[in-house]
Amino acid sequence: MGRRSFLKMVAFVSFLLTVFGSDPDIISDFIFLPALNGTTNVTADFFAFKGLREVFQSEEPQKFKATKVTVAEFPALLGQSVSAAVLEYPAGSVNPPHTHPRSAELLFVLQGSLTVGFVDTKNQLFSQSLQVGDLFVFPKGLVHFQFNSDSSAVAATAVSAFASANPGTVSLPATVFADGIDDNVLAKSFNTDVATIQKIKAGIAAPH
């Protein structure tokens, strides 16, 4: 897919999400912080983000990669209730179970195929196999994942749009096993032993 087509798709997905934006409303056209931008002059450059060019000019990654475009990377998003991410999945790679506490996510498949799903508050799994051109919505705050299960080594690419300039990401493996929770607490919580917990932690800490 060419850059022009890609940008059209990003605009389309972002437009859809503006109807249920969750960030607080602002009372100005936009928010410009001179201290953050290093200048007092607002130009068209402020509203343009070109950091995704390298995603489409570089080789495919060896493992799952998410290139985020939130307010941290693109200050013009402050107060606009939108952000995006480009997600790259080599064959067999996974975007592990995670949540976005401040936004729903609308995912659009640009290349390849993905198995996706989320779990609701009744612990029911909703899962689908997606192809190029398909969209899937992950409700705000619910645990979800994406998996490229293609057996022919075909990479997948998707674009996600969010109804927040800073949707946040809470990765369950990292949050549970890599943030200092006591091994005994985890062993009791998962009905296993400390040795198993330590093995899981070692696996998460190891390069993938």
C-alpha atoms as a PDB file:
ATOM      1  CA  MET A   1       0.000   0.000   0.000  1.00  0.00           C
ATOM      2  CA  GLY A   2       1.367   3.416  -0.974  1.00  0.00           C
ATOM      3  CA  ARG A   3       1.902   6.230   1.487  1.00  0.00           C
ATOM      4  CA  ARG A   4      -1.017   8.209   0.094  1.00  0.00           C
ATOM      5  CA  SER A   5      -3.415   5.297   0.524  1.00  0.00           C
ATOM      6  CA  PHE A   6      -2.087   4.707   4.013  1.00  0.00           C
ATOM      7  CA  LEU A   7      -2.678   8.312   5.045  1.00  0.00           C
ATOM      8  CA  LYS A   8      -6.202   8.158   3.686  1.00  0.00           C
ATOM      9  CA  MET A   9      -6.878   5.109   5.823  1.00  0.00           C
ATOM     10  CA  VAL A  10      -5.450   6.773   8.925  1.00  0.00           C
ATOM     11  CA  ALA A  11      -7.672   9.798   8.312  1.00  0.00           C
ATOM     12  CA  PHE A  12     -10.682   7.526   7.821  1.00  0.00           C
ATOM     13  CA  VAL A  13     -10.121   5.563  11.014  1.00  0.00           C
ATOM     14  CA  SER A  14      -9.338   8.671  13.038  1.00  0.00           C
ATOM     15  CA  PHE A  15     -12.503  10.334  11.742  1.00  0.00           C
ATOM     16  CA  LEU A  16     -14.629   7.420  12.865  1.00  0.00           C
ATOM     17  CA  LEU A  17     -13.279   7.634  16.380  1.00  0.00           C
ATOM     18  CA  THR A  18     -13.901  11.355  16.831  1.00  0.00           C
ATOM     19  CA  VAL A  19     -17.606  10.664  17.328  1.00  0.00           C
ATOM     20  CA  PHE A  20     -16.935   9.149  20.740  1.00  0.00           C
ATOM     21  CA  GLY A  21     -13.819  10.936  21.929  1.00  0.00           C
ATOM     22  CA  SER A  22     -13.197  10.621  25.649  1.00  0.00           C
ATOM     23  CA  ASP A  23     -10.730  13.404  26.445  1.00  0.00           C
ATOM     24  CA  PRO A  24     -11.993  16.630  28.071  1.00  0.00           C
ATOM     25  CA  ASP A  25     -13.307  19.237  25.641  1.00  0.00           C
ATOM     26  CA  ILE A  26     -11.153  22.292  25.045  1.00  0.00           C
ATOM     27  CA  ILE A  27     -12.370  25.870  24.506  1.00  0.00           C
ATOM     28  CA  SER A  28      -9.847  26.814  21.831  1.00  0.00           C
ATOM     29  CA  ASP A  29      -9.127  25.588  18.332  1.00  0.00           C
ATOM     30  CA  PHE A  30      -5.991  23.822  19.520  1.00  0.00           C
ATOM     31  CA  ILE A  31      -3.452  23.838  22.351  1.00  0.00           C
ATOM     32  CA  PHE A  32       0.016  25.186  21.647  1.00  0.00           C
ATOM     33  CA  LEU A  33       2.594  25.237  24.430  1.00  0.00           C
ATOM     34  CA  PRO A  34       5.617  27.396  23.520  1.00  0.00           C
ATOM     35  CA  ALA A  35       7.777  25.788  26.207  1.00  0.00           C
ATOM     36  CA  LEU A  36       7.049  22.344  24.796  1.00  0.00           C
ATOM     37  CA  ASN A  37       7.603  23.330  21.177  1.00  0.00           C
ATOM     38  CA  GLY A  38      10.558  25.657  21.659  1.00  0.00           C
ATOM     39  CA  THR A  39       8.965  28.554  19.800  1.00  0.00           C
ATOM     40  CA  THR A  40       6.119  31.013  20.130  1.00  0.00           C
ATOM     41  CA  ASN A  41       5.140  30.829  16.454  1.00  0.00           C
ATOM     42  CA  VAL A  42       2.491  28.402  15.279  1.00  0.00           C
ATOM     43  CA  THR A  43       3.056  27.161  11.731  1.00  0.00           C
ATOM     44  CA  ALA A  44       1.694  24.314   9.650  1.00  0.00           C
ATOM     45  CA  ASP A  45       4.646  22.222  10.798  1.00  0.00           C
ATOM     46  CA  PHE A  46       3.047  22.002  14.234  1.00  0.00           C
ATOM     47  CA  PHE A  47       0.097  20.053  12.779  1.00  0.00           C
ATOM     48  CA  ALA A  48       2.181  17.608  10.728  1.00  0.00           C
ATOM     49  CA  PHE A  49       3.778  14.408  11.996  1.00  0.00           C
ATOM     50  CA  LYS A  50       6.294  12.698   9.720  1.00  0.00           C
ATOM     51  CA  GLY A  51       7.701  10.158  12.113  1.00  0.00           C
ATOM     52  CA  LEU A  52       5.947   7.228  10.445  1.00  0.00           C
ATOM     53  CA  ARG A  53       7.905   7.500   7.214  1.00  0.00           C
ATOM     54  CA  GLU A  54      10.654   5.249   8.514  1.00  0.00           C
ATOM     55  CA  VAL A  55       8.112   2.529   9.281  1.00  0.00           C
ATOM     56  CA  PHE A  56       7.403   2.156   5.576  1.00  0.00           C
ATOM     57  CA  GLN A  57      10.969   2.746   4.435  1.00  0.00           C
ATOM     58  CA  SER A  58      12.697   0.221   6.696  1.00  0.00           C
ATOM     59  CA  GLU A  59      12.819  -3.559   6.679  1.00  0.00           C
ATOM     60  CA  GLU A  60      10.163  -5.554   8.486  1.00  0.00           C
ATOM     61  CA  PRO A  61      10.950  -6.004  12.184  1.00  0.00           C
ATOM     62  CA  GLN A  62      11.982  -9.365  13.615  1.00  0.00           C
ATOM     63  CA  LYS A  63       9.387  -9.175  16.384  1.00  0.00           C
ATOM     64  CA  PHE A  64       6.117  -7.359  17.021  1.00  0.00           C
ATOM     65  CA  LYS A  65       6.562  -3.597  16.891  1.00  0.00           C
ATOM     66  CA  ALA A  66       4.172  -0.779  17.766  1.00  0.00           C
ATOM     67  CA  THR A  67       4.994   2.725  16.550  1.00  0.00           C
ATOM     68  CA  LYS A  68       2.810   5.093  18.560  1.00  0.00           C
ATOM     69  CA  VAL A  69       1.592   8.548  17.590  1.00  0.00           C
ATOM     70  CA  THR A  70       0.217   9.940  20.835  1.00  0.00           C
ATOM     71  CA  VAL A  71       0.532  13.383  22.378  1.00  0.00           C
ATOM     72  CA  ALA A  72       4.001  12.396  23.604  1.00  0.00           C
ATOM     73  CA  GLU A  73       5.236  12.038  20.033  1.00  0.00           C
ATOM     74  CA  PHE A  74       2.933  14.606  18.408  1.00  0.00           C
ATOM     75  CA  PRO A  75       2.114  17.573  20.700  1.00  0.00           C
ATOM     76  CA  ALA A  76      -0.553  18.907  18.335  1.00  0.00           C
ATOM     77  CA  LEU A  77      -2.811  16.066  19.522  1.00  0.00           C
ATOM     78  CA  LEU A  78      -3.157  17.657  22.957  1.00  0.00           C
ATOM     79  CA  GLY A  79      -6.873  18.288  23.512  1.00  0.00           C
ATOM     80  CA  GLN A  80      -7.910  16.700  20.195  1.00  0.00           C
ATOM     81  CA  SER A  81      -9.053  13.296  21.556  1.00  0.00           C
ATOM     82  CA  VAL A  82      -7.324  11.291  18.822  1.00  0.00           C
ATOM     83  CA  SER A  83      -4.115   9.312  18.411  1.00  0.00           C
ATOM     84  CA  ALA A  84      -2.868   6.388  16.359  1.00  0.00           C
ATOM     85  CA  ALA A  85      -0.351   3.581  16.117  1.00  0.00           C
ATOM     86  CA  VAL A  86       1.139   1.477  13.345  1.00  0.00           C
ATOM     87  CA  LEU A  87       1.410  -2.173  14.368  1.00  0.00           C
ATOM     88  CA  GLU A  88       3.788  -4.588  12.630  1.00  0.00           C
ATOM     89  CA  TYR A  89       3.522  -8.347  13.149  1.00  0.00           C
ATOM     90  CA  PRO A  90       6.085 -10.768  11.698  1.00  0.00           C
ATOM     91  CA  ALA A  91       4.661 -14.255  11.161  1.00  0.00           C
ATOM     92  CA  GLY A  92       4.025 -15.965  14.481  1.00  0.00           C
ATOM     93  CA  SER A  93       4.313 -12.779  16.542  1.00  0.00           C
ATOM     94  CA  VAL A  94       1.822 -11.523  19.082  1.00  0.00           C
ATOM     95  CA  ASN A  95       0.793  -8.257  20.652  1.00  0.00           C
ATOM     96  CA  PRO A  96       0.361  -9.683  24.177  1.00  0.00           C
ATOM     97  CA  PRO A  97      -2.818  -9.202  26.204  1.00  0.00           C
ATOM     98  CA  HIS A  98      -3.096  -5.576  27.278  1.00  0.00           C
ATOM     99  CA  THR A  99      -5.563  -2.786  27.945  1.00  0.00           C
ATOM    100  CA  HIS A 100      -5.962   0.892  27.075  1.00  0.00           C
ATOM    101  CA  PRO A 101      -7.500   2.517  30.165  1.00  0.00           C
ATOM    102  CA  ARG A 102      -8.479   5.790  28.507  1.00  0.00           C
ATOM    103  CA  SER A 103      -9.815   4.769  25.094  1.00  0.00           C
ATOM    104  CA  ALA A 104     -11.421   2.219  22.857  1.00  0.00           C
ATOM    105  CA  GLU A 105      -9.241   1.029  19.965  1.00  0.00           C
ATOM    106  CA  LEU A 106     -10.300   0.690  16.335  1.00  0.00           C
ATOM    107  CA  LEU A 107      -7.944  -1.586  14.404  1.00  0.00           C
ATOM    108  CA  PHE A 108      -7.710  -1.637  10.597  1.00  0.00           C
ATOM    109  CA  VAL A 109      -5.763  -4.421   8.824  1.00  0.00           C
ATOM    110  CA  LEU A 110      -3.571  -3.128   5.991  1.00  0.00           C
ATOM    111  CA  GLN A 111      -1.553  -6.250   5.203  1.00  0.00           C
ATOM    112  CA  GLY A 112      -1.710  -9.946   6.012  1.00  0.00           C
ATOM    113  CA  SER A 113      -4.135 -11.478   8.482  1.00  0.00           C
ATOM    114  CA  LEU A 114      -4.622 -11.386  12.235  1.00  0.00           C
ATOM    115  CA  THR A 115      -6.435 -13.304  14.916  1.00  0.00           C
ATOM    116  CA  VAL A 116      -7.732 -10.800  17.456  1.00  0.00           C
ATOM    117  CA  GLY A 117      -9.900 -10.863  20.514  1.00  0.00           C
ATOM    118  CA  PHE A 118     -10.939  -9.293  23.791  1.00  0.00           C
ATOM    119  CA  VAL A 119     -12.398 -10.517  27.080  1.00  0.00           C
ATOM    120  CA  ASP A 120     -15.336  -8.689  28.641  1.00  0.00           C
ATOM    121  CA  THR A 121     -16.125  -8.197  32.327  1.00  0.00           C
ATOM    122  CA  LYS A 122     -18.067 -11.494  32.324  1.00  0.00           C
ATOM    123  CA  ASN A 123     -14.887 -13.303  31.216  1.00  0.00           C
ATOM    124  CA  GLN A 124     -16.346 -14.038  27.796  1.00  0.00           C
ATOM    125  CA  LEU A 125     -13.886 -14.114  24.886  1.00  0.00           C
ATOM    126  CA  PHE A 126     -14.841 -12.427  21.604  1.00  0.00           C
ATOM    127  CA  SER A 127     -12.394 -13.434  18.867  1.00  0.00           C
ATOM    128  CA  GLN A 128     -12.215 -12.998  15.088  1.00  0.00           C
ATOM    129  CA  SER A 129      -9.911 -13.753  12.162  1.00  0.00           C
ATOM    130  CA  LEU A 130      -9.290 -10.574  10.173  1.00  0.00           C
ATOM    131  CA  GLN A 131      -8.109 -10.040   6.590  1.00  0.00           C
ATOM    132  CA  VAL A 132      -6.957  -6.954   4.690  1.00  0.00           C
ATOM    133  CA  GLY A 133      -9.640  -4.268   4.831  1.00  0.00           C
ATOM    134  CA  ASP A 134     -11.284  -5.588   8.009  1.00  0.00           C
ATOM    135  CA  LEU A 135     -11.827  -3.499  11.130  1.00  0.00           C
ATOM    136  CA  PHE A 136     -12.262  -4.580  14.739  1.00  0.00           C
ATOM    137  CA  VAL A 137     -13.091  -2.503  17.812  1.00  0.00           C
ATOM    138  CA  PHE A 138     -11.662  -3.256  21.240  1.00  0.00           C
ATOM    139  CA  PRO A 139     -13.892  -1.667  23.909  1.00  0.00           C
ATOM    140  CA  LYS A 140     -12.307   0.793  26.304  1.00  0.00           C
ATOM    141  CA  GLY A 141     -10.397  -0.752  29.180  1.00  0.00           C
ATOM    142  CA  LEU A 142     -10.935  -4.408  28.235  1.00  0.00           C
ATOM    143  CA  VAL A 143      -8.097  -6.915  27.897  1.00  0.00           C
ATOM    144  CA  HIS A 144      -7.330  -7.687  24.247  1.00  0.00           C
ATOM    145  CA  PHE A 145      -4.664  -9.139  21.945  1.00  0.00           C
ATOM    146  CA  GLN A 146      -3.626  -9.573  18.314  1.00  0.00           C
ATOM    147  CA  PHE A 147      -1.799 -12.597  16.854  1.00  0.00           C
ATOM    148  CA  ASN A 148      -0.315 -13.212  13.410  1.00  0.00           C
ATOM    149  CA  SER A 149      -0.843 -16.956  13.110  1.00  0.00           C
ATOM    150  CA  ASP A 150      -0.023 -17.096   9.385  1.00  0.00           C
ATOM    151  CA  SER A 151       1.832 -20.353   8.647  1.00  0.00           C
ATOM    152  CA  SER A 152       3.330 -19.094   5.366  1.00  0.00           C
ATOM    153  CA  ALA A 153       5.557 -16.481   7.029  1.00  0.00           C
ATOM    154  CA  VAL A 154       3.509 -13.530   5.758  1.00  0.00           C
ATOM    155  CA  ALA A 155       3.905 -10.389   7.869  1.00  0.00           C
ATOM    156  CA  ALA A 156       0.877  -8.359   8.906  1.00  0.00           C
ATOM    157  CA  THR A 157       0.457  -4.612   9.354  1.00  0.00           C
ATOM    158  CA  ALA A 158      -2.394  -2.733  10.981  1.00  0.00           C
ATOM    159  CA  VAL A 159      -3.276   0.793  11.996  1.00  0.00           C
ATOM    160  CA  SER A 160      -5.008   1.511  15.290  1.00  0.00           C
ATOM    161  CA  ALA A 161      -6.866   4.711  16.105  1.00  0.00           C
ATOM    162  CA  PHE A 162      -7.784   5.853  19.593  1.00  0.00           C
ATOM    163  CA  ALA A 163     -10.336   8.287  21.011  1.00  0.00           C
ATOM    164  CA  SER A 164      -7.743   9.865  23.272  1.00  0.00           C
ATOM    165  CA  ALA A 165      -4.517  11.775  22.737  1.00  0.00           C
ATOM    166  CA  ASN A 166      -2.998   9.529  25.408  1.00  0.00           C
ATOM    167  CA  PRO A 167      -4.861   6.194  25.580  1.00  0.00           C
ATOM    168  CA  GLY A 168      -2.243   4.491  27.752  1.00  0.00           C
ATOM    169  CA  THR A 169      -1.164   0.864  27.496  1.00  0.00           C
ATOM    170  CA  VAL A 170      -1.099  -1.656  30.334  1.00  0.00           C
ATOM    171  CA  SER A 171       0.669  -4.839  29.196  1.00  0.00           C
ATOM    172  CA  LEU A 172      -0.505  -7.728  31.344  1.00  0.00           C
ATOM    173  CA  PRO A 173       2.662  -9.872  31.166  1.00  0.00           C
ATOM    174  CA  ALA A 174       4.914  -6.923  32.026  1.00  0.00           C
ATOM    175  CA  THR A 175       2.568  -5.469  34.634  1.00  0.00           C
ATOM    176  CA  VAL A 176       2.050  -8.748  36.473  1.00  0.00           C
ATOM    177  CA  PHE A 177       5.465 -10.364  36.162  1.00  0.00           C
ATOM    178  CA  ALA A 178       7.979  -7.562  35.610  1.00  0.00           C
ATOM    179  CA  ASP A 179       6.945  -4.795  37.993  1.00  0.00           C
ATOM    180  CA  GLY A 180       8.065  -6.122  41.362  1.00  0.00           C
ATOM    181  CA  ILE A 181       5.000  -7.948  42.684  1.00  0.00           C
ATOM    182  CA  ASP A 182       6.172 -10.419  45.309  1.00  0.00           C
ATOM    183  CA  ASP A 183       6.685 -13.976  44.009  1.00  0.00           C
ATOM    184  CA  ASN A 184       4.619 -15.419  46.851  1.00  0.00           C
ATOM    185  CA  VAL A 185       1.677 -13.194  45.988  1.00  0.00           C
ATOM    186  CA  LEU A 186       1.862 -14.284  42.360  1.00  0.00           C
ATOM    187  CA  ALA A 187       2.271 -17.957  43.236  1.00  0.00           C
ATOM    188  CA  LYS A 188      -0.860 -17.884  45.399  1.00  0.00           C
ATOM    189  CA  SER A 189      -2.776 -15.833  42.840  1.00  0.00           C
ATOM    190  CA  PHE A 190      -2.024 -18.271  40.021  1.00  0.00           C
ATOM    191  CA  ASN A 191      -2.278 -21.376  42.196  1.00  0.00           C
ATOM    192  CA  THR A 192       1.290 -22.437  41.483  1.00  0.00           C
ATOM    193  CA  ASP A 193       4.710 -22.322  43.154  1.00  0.00           C
ATOM    194  CA  VAL A 194       7.410 -19.673  43.402  1.00  0.00           C
ATOM    195  CA  ALA A 195       9.758 -21.606  41.095  1.00  0.00           C
ATOM    196  CA  THR A 196       7.192 -21.467  38.287  1.00  0.00           C
ATOM    197  CA  ILE A 197       6.666 -17.739  38.813  1.00  0.00           C
ATOM    198  CA  GLN A 198      10.407 -17.144  38.660  1.00  0.00           C
ATOM    199  CA  LYS A 199      10.626 -19.144  35.446  1.00  0.00           C
ATOM    200  CA  ILE A 200       7.886 -17.016  33.887  1.00  0.00           C
ATOM    201  CA  LYS A 201       9.647 -13.844  35.008  1.00  0.00           C
ATOM    202  CA  ALA A 202      12.918 -15.035  33.478  1.00  0.00           C
ATOM    203  CA  GLY A 203      11.139 -15.745  30.200  1.00  0.00           C
ATOM    204  CA  ILE A 204       9.616 -12.268  30.089  1.00  0.00           C
ATOM    205  CA  ALA A 205      12.941 -10.625  30.886  1.00  0.00           C
ATOM    206  CA  ALA A 206      14.797 -12.590  28.187  1.00  0.00           C
ATOM    207  CA  PRO A 207      15.187 -11.054  24.699  1.00  0.00           C
ATOM    208  CA  HIS A 208      12.490 -12.183  22.246  1.00  0.00           C
END
